[in-house]
Amino acid sequence: MSKPTASVYIDGFNLYRRLLEGRPQVKWLDVEALADLLLPEFDVVRVRYFTAIVKALPGKDVQAPQRQQVYLRALASLPRTTIQLGKFRIDTRVMPRHPVEFDVDGRPRTVRVKKTEEKGSDVALASHLLMDAFRANSDIYVVCTNDSDLTTPLRMIKEDLGKALGLLSPMEPKRASNELKQTRPDLHRRVTLDALQACQLPDVLADSHGAIRRPTKWTLNSEGPEPVGAF
């Protein structure tokens, strides 16, 4: 008897910030193996991975964008995985100081800052999720995120389209988004560090362009945590 089918949608930046940042030994993640491990009762027919190309930031690891490109190339070699890219922006903003300080006229003092922001991934995830559900190409639609901005499309999947909904949370149960939990998913499971460790890509893969090698900083015996913000 065949298993029911599942489509999986991974919020790449949310997963990175919640579980991967500072843990280089698990960044070479096989997203298909992770989906299969966490959803053993389903036939995972597709994994959609949403992220944005990072940029080198002042004072940060200048090799981070190169490592990400290698990783995205590795993901693109997987047969069930597709990658959707948003944009990574660096803007100059004028913002109030913290703690608040006032000038002689009683106005808050401000400072110019570089603000980094990922744009478009959540909209792309919601769009692909809803389009797939409209086409009814799976028995369940499973989203890996803790971003409450995705509450509305998840609720639409469940309440308006009448589809089965799954949630993979990269957070401890007590810290998982209440808004997402209130969408009443049919399946709610936690992405654990043990699961990430069990689902690493081979150190060397290949595509039509040649070998793809795991970045040295992401090896299992790496020198330890990377600086915060390093991809």
Protein backbone atom coordinates (compact mmCIF):
# COMPACT_ATOMS: atom_id res chain seq x y z
CA MET A 1 0.00 0.00 0.00
CA SER A 2 1.44 3.36 -1.01
CA LYS A 3 2.04 6.12 1.50
CA PRO A 4 0.20 9.46 1.38
CA THR A 5 2.27 12.16 -0.28
CA ALA A 6 3.77 15.28 1.30
CA SER A 7 5.17 18.57 -0.02
CA VAL A 8 7.64 20.31 2.28
CA TYR A 9 8.43 24.06 2.38
CA ILE A 10 11.55 25.17 4.25
CA ASP A 11 12.04 28.76 5.43
CA GLY A 12 15.81 28.69 5.02
CA PHE A 13 16.69 31.86 6.95
CA ASN A 14 14.37 31.01 9.82
CA LEU A 15 15.84 27.52 10.13
CA TYR A 16 19.33 29.02 9.95
CA ARG A 17 18.74 31.60 12.67
CA ARG A 18 16.97 29.17 14.99
CA LEU A 19 19.18 26.09 14.70
CA LEU A 20 22.12 26.34 12.30
CA GLU A 21 23.77 29.63 13.25
CA GLY A 22 26.88 28.98 15.32
CA ARG A 23 26.77 25.24 14.53
CA PRO A 24 28.96 24.80 11.42
CA GLN A 25 29.01 21.01 11.80
CA VAL A 26 25.31 20.75 10.83
CA LYS A 27 25.11 23.39 8.08
CA TRP A 28 25.77 20.87 5.27
CA LEU A 29 22.16 19.82 5.68
CA ASP A 30 20.42 17.31 3.41
CA VAL A 31 16.90 18.77 3.37
CA GLU A 32 15.41 15.72 1.63
CA ALA A 33 16.84 13.35 4.23
CA LEU A 34 15.53 15.65 6.98
CA ALA A 35 12.02 15.65 5.50
CA ASP A 36 12.08 11.86 5.14
CA LEU A 37 13.29 11.43 8.73
CA LEU A 38 10.68 13.72 10.26
CA LEU A 39 7.82 12.45 8.08
CA PRO A 40 8.37 8.67 7.91
CA GLU A 41 4.69 7.89 7.27
CA PHE A 42 4.66 10.03 4.10
CA ASP A 43 6.18 9.87 0.65
CA VAL A 44 7.89 13.26 0.39
CA VAL A 45 7.50 14.13 -3.28
CA ARG A 46 9.01 17.63 -3.24
CA VAL A 47 11.02 19.96 -1.01
CA ARG A 48 10.93 23.67 -1.72
CA TYR A 49 13.76 25.63 -0.08
CA PHE A 50 13.40 29.41 0.29
CA THR A 51 16.35 31.70 0.99
CA ALA A 52 18.27 34.70 -0.37
CA ILE A 53 21.85 35.16 -1.53
CA VAL A 54 23.78 36.71 1.35
CA LYS A 55 26.33 39.48 0.90
CA ALA A 56 29.69 40.03 2.54
CA LEU A 57 29.22 42.40 5.49
CA PRO A 58 31.80 44.71 7.07
CA GLY A 59 33.46 42.99 10.01
CA LYS A 60 31.93 39.62 9.11
CA ASP A 61 33.37 36.54 7.45
CA VAL A 62 33.98 37.51 3.81
CA GLN A 63 33.85 33.84 2.76
CA ALA A 64 30.26 33.37 3.98
CA PRO A 65 28.65 34.13 0.57
CA GLN A 66 30.99 31.65 -1.15
CA ARG A 67 30.05 28.89 1.31
CA GLN A 68 26.37 29.59 0.77
CA GLN A 69 26.79 29.35 -3.00
CA VAL A 70 28.47 25.97 -2.61
CA TYR A 71 25.63 24.80 -0.39
CA LEU A 72 22.93 25.97 -2.80
CA ARG A 73 24.71 24.16 -5.61
CA ALA A 74 24.67 21.01 -3.47
CA LEU A 75 20.95 21.39 -2.78
CA ALA A 76 20.24 21.92 -6.47
CA SER A 77 21.77 18.50 -7.17
CA LEU A 78 19.08 16.77 -5.09
CA PRO A 79 16.31 15.25 -7.23
CA ARG A 80 13.26 16.40 -5.23
CA THR A 81 14.51 19.83 -4.17
CA THR A 82 13.94 23.22 -5.79
CA ILE A 83 15.34 26.55 -4.59
CA GLN A 84 13.45 29.84 -4.61
CA LEU A 85 15.52 32.97 -4.02
CA GLY A 86 14.48 36.24 -2.43
CA LYS A 87 16.77 39.25 -2.01
CA PHE A 88 19.26 40.22 0.68
CA ARG A 89 19.39 43.99 1.17
CA ILE A 90 21.81 46.24 3.02
CA ASP A 91 20.36 49.70 3.61
CA THR A 92 21.52 52.76 5.53
CA ARG A 93 18.95 53.80 8.12
CA VAL A 94 18.71 56.61 10.68
CA MET A 95 17.51 55.16 13.98
CA PRO A 96 17.17 56.32 17.60
CA ARG A 97 19.99 55.49 19.99
CA HIS A 98 19.50 52.79 22.61
CA PRO A 99 19.19 53.56 25.44
CA VAL A 100 17.32 56.70 24.39
CA GLU A 101 19.28 59.96 24.63
CA PHE A 102 17.92 63.47 24.05
CA ASP A 103 19.59 66.55 22.62
CA VAL A 104 19.30 70.05 24.10
CA ASP A 105 16.00 70.56 22.27
CA GLY A 106 14.48 67.43 23.75
CA ARG A 107 14.64 65.39 20.57
CA PRO A 108 15.90 61.77 20.58
CA ARG A 109 19.48 61.47 19.36
CA THR A 110 19.86 59.28 16.27
CA VAL A 111 22.63 57.30 14.61
CA ARG A 112 23.15 56.05 11.06
CA VAL A 113 23.30 52.25 10.85
CA LYS A 114 23.65 49.54 8.22
CA LYS A 115 20.49 47.42 8.33
CA THR A 116 20.55 43.97 6.75
CA GLU A 117 17.25 42.47 5.67
CA GLU A 118 16.08 39.45 3.73
CA LYS A 119 13.15 40.27 1.47
CA GLY A 120 10.72 38.16 -0.50
CA SER A 121 11.25 34.64 0.84
CA ASP A 122 8.14 34.57 3.00
CA VAL A 123 5.99 35.87 0.12
CA ALA A 124 7.49 33.28 -2.22
CA LEU A 125 6.90 30.49 0.29
CA ALA A 126 3.27 31.52 0.79
CA SER A 127 2.71 31.78 -2.97
CA HIS A 128 4.16 28.35 -3.79
CA LEU A 129 2.38 26.78 -0.83
CA LEU A 130 -1.02 28.10 -1.88
CA MET A 131 -0.48 27.33 -5.59
CA ASP A 132 0.51 23.74 -4.82
CA ALA A 133 -2.53 23.36 -2.56
CA PHE A 134 -4.82 24.75 -5.30
CA ARG A 135 -3.39 22.16 -7.66
CA ALA A 136 -3.90 19.45 -5.00
CA ASN A 137 -0.58 17.83 -5.82
CA SER A 138 -0.01 16.33 -2.33
CA ASP A 139 -1.99 14.85 0.53
CA ILE A 140 -0.37 17.13 3.13
CA TYR A 141 1.53 20.44 2.97
CA VAL A 142 4.27 20.75 5.59
CA VAL A 143 6.03 24.04 6.43
CA CYS A 144 9.29 24.32 8.36
CA THR A 145 9.35 27.72 10.06
CA ASN A 146 8.74 29.64 13.25
CA ASP A 147 7.82 32.85 11.42
CA SER A 148 4.37 34.04 12.50
CA ASP A 149 4.14 36.13 9.29
CA LEU A 150 3.16 32.86 7.58
CA THR A 151 0.13 32.34 9.81
CA THR A 152 -2.38 33.58 7.22
CA PRO A 153 -1.38 31.26 4.33
CA LEU A 154 -1.19 28.31 6.74
CA ARG A 155 -4.66 29.09 8.01
CA MET A 156 -5.95 29.38 4.43
CA ILE A 157 -4.54 25.94 3.59
CA LYS A 158 -6.40 24.42 6.53
CA GLU A 159 -9.63 26.42 6.71
CA ASP A 160 -10.32 27.74 3.21
CA LEU A 161 -8.88 24.98 1.04
CA GLY A 162 -9.58 22.11 3.43
CA LYS A 163 -6.10 20.61 2.99
CA ALA A 164 -4.05 18.73 5.56
CA LEU A 165 -1.40 20.97 7.13
CA GLY A 166 1.88 20.11 8.82
CA LEU A 167 4.29 22.26 10.83
CA LEU A 168 7.95 21.50 11.50
CA SER A 169 9.17 23.81 14.25
CA PRO A 170 12.88 24.65 14.66
CA MET A 171 12.12 25.72 18.24
CA GLU A 172 11.55 24.08 21.60
CA PRO A 173 7.80 23.51 22.12
CA LYS A 174 7.49 26.27 24.74
CA ARG A 175 9.14 28.81 22.40
CA ALA A 176 7.32 27.83 19.21
CA SER A 177 5.09 30.53 17.70
CA ASN A 178 1.65 30.53 19.31
CA GLU A 179 0.18 32.08 16.15
CA LEU A 180 1.42 29.18 14.04
CA LYS A 181 0.20 26.62 16.55
CA GLN A 182 -3.24 28.23 16.47
CA THR A 183 -3.58 27.27 12.79
CA ARG A 184 -4.36 23.79 14.19
CA PRO A 185 -1.92 21.78 12.04
CA ASP A 186 -2.75 18.12 11.52
CA LEU A 187 0.90 17.35 12.22
CA HIS A 188 3.30 19.32 14.43
CA ARG A 189 6.85 18.09 14.99
CA ARG A 190 10.08 19.62 16.20
CA VAL A 191 13.30 19.83 14.20
CA THR A 192 15.98 18.72 16.66
CA LEU A 193 19.74 19.05 16.63
CA ASP A 194 19.96 15.24 16.57
CA ALA A 195 17.87 15.22 13.39
CA LEU A 196 20.17 17.77 11.76
CA GLN A 197 23.24 15.75 12.70
CA ALA A 198 21.69 12.60 11.23
CA CYS A 199 20.85 14.32 7.91
CA GLN A 200 24.12 15.65 6.56
CA LEU A 201 25.01 15.54 2.86
CA PRO A 202 27.99 13.45 1.72
CA ASP A 203 31.25 15.38 2.01
CA VAL A 204 31.57 15.25 -1.78
CA LEU A 205 28.70 15.38 -4.30
CA ALA A 206 28.69 15.88 -8.03
CA ASP A 207 26.60 17.74 -10.58
CA SER A 208 27.04 18.42 -14.30
CA HIS A 209 29.82 20.90 -13.51
CA GLY A 210 31.90 18.55 -11.36
CA ALA A 211 32.55 17.88 -7.69
CA ILE A 212 30.85 19.80 -4.87
CA ARG A 213 32.81 19.67 -1.63
CA ARG A 214 31.68 20.41 1.89
CA PRO A 215 33.26 23.73 3.03
CA THR A 216 36.18 23.18 5.38
CA LYS A 217 34.59 25.35 8.08
CA TRP A 218 31.54 23.06 8.04
CA THR A 219 33.36 19.80 8.64
CA LEU A 220 32.28 17.62 11.54
CA ASN A 221 35.61 18.20 13.28
CA SER A 222 35.65 21.97 12.64
CA GLU A 223 37.39 24.32 15.00
CA GLY A 224 34.18 25.23 16.82
CA PRO A 225 31.38 27.78 16.54
CA GLU A 226 31.67 30.37 13.82
CA PRO A 227 31.23 34.08 14.56
CA VAL A 228 27.58 35.03 14.90
CA GLY A 229 26.17 35.97 11.53
CA ALA A 230 28.55 33.80 9.48
CA PHE A 231 26.69 31.64 7.01
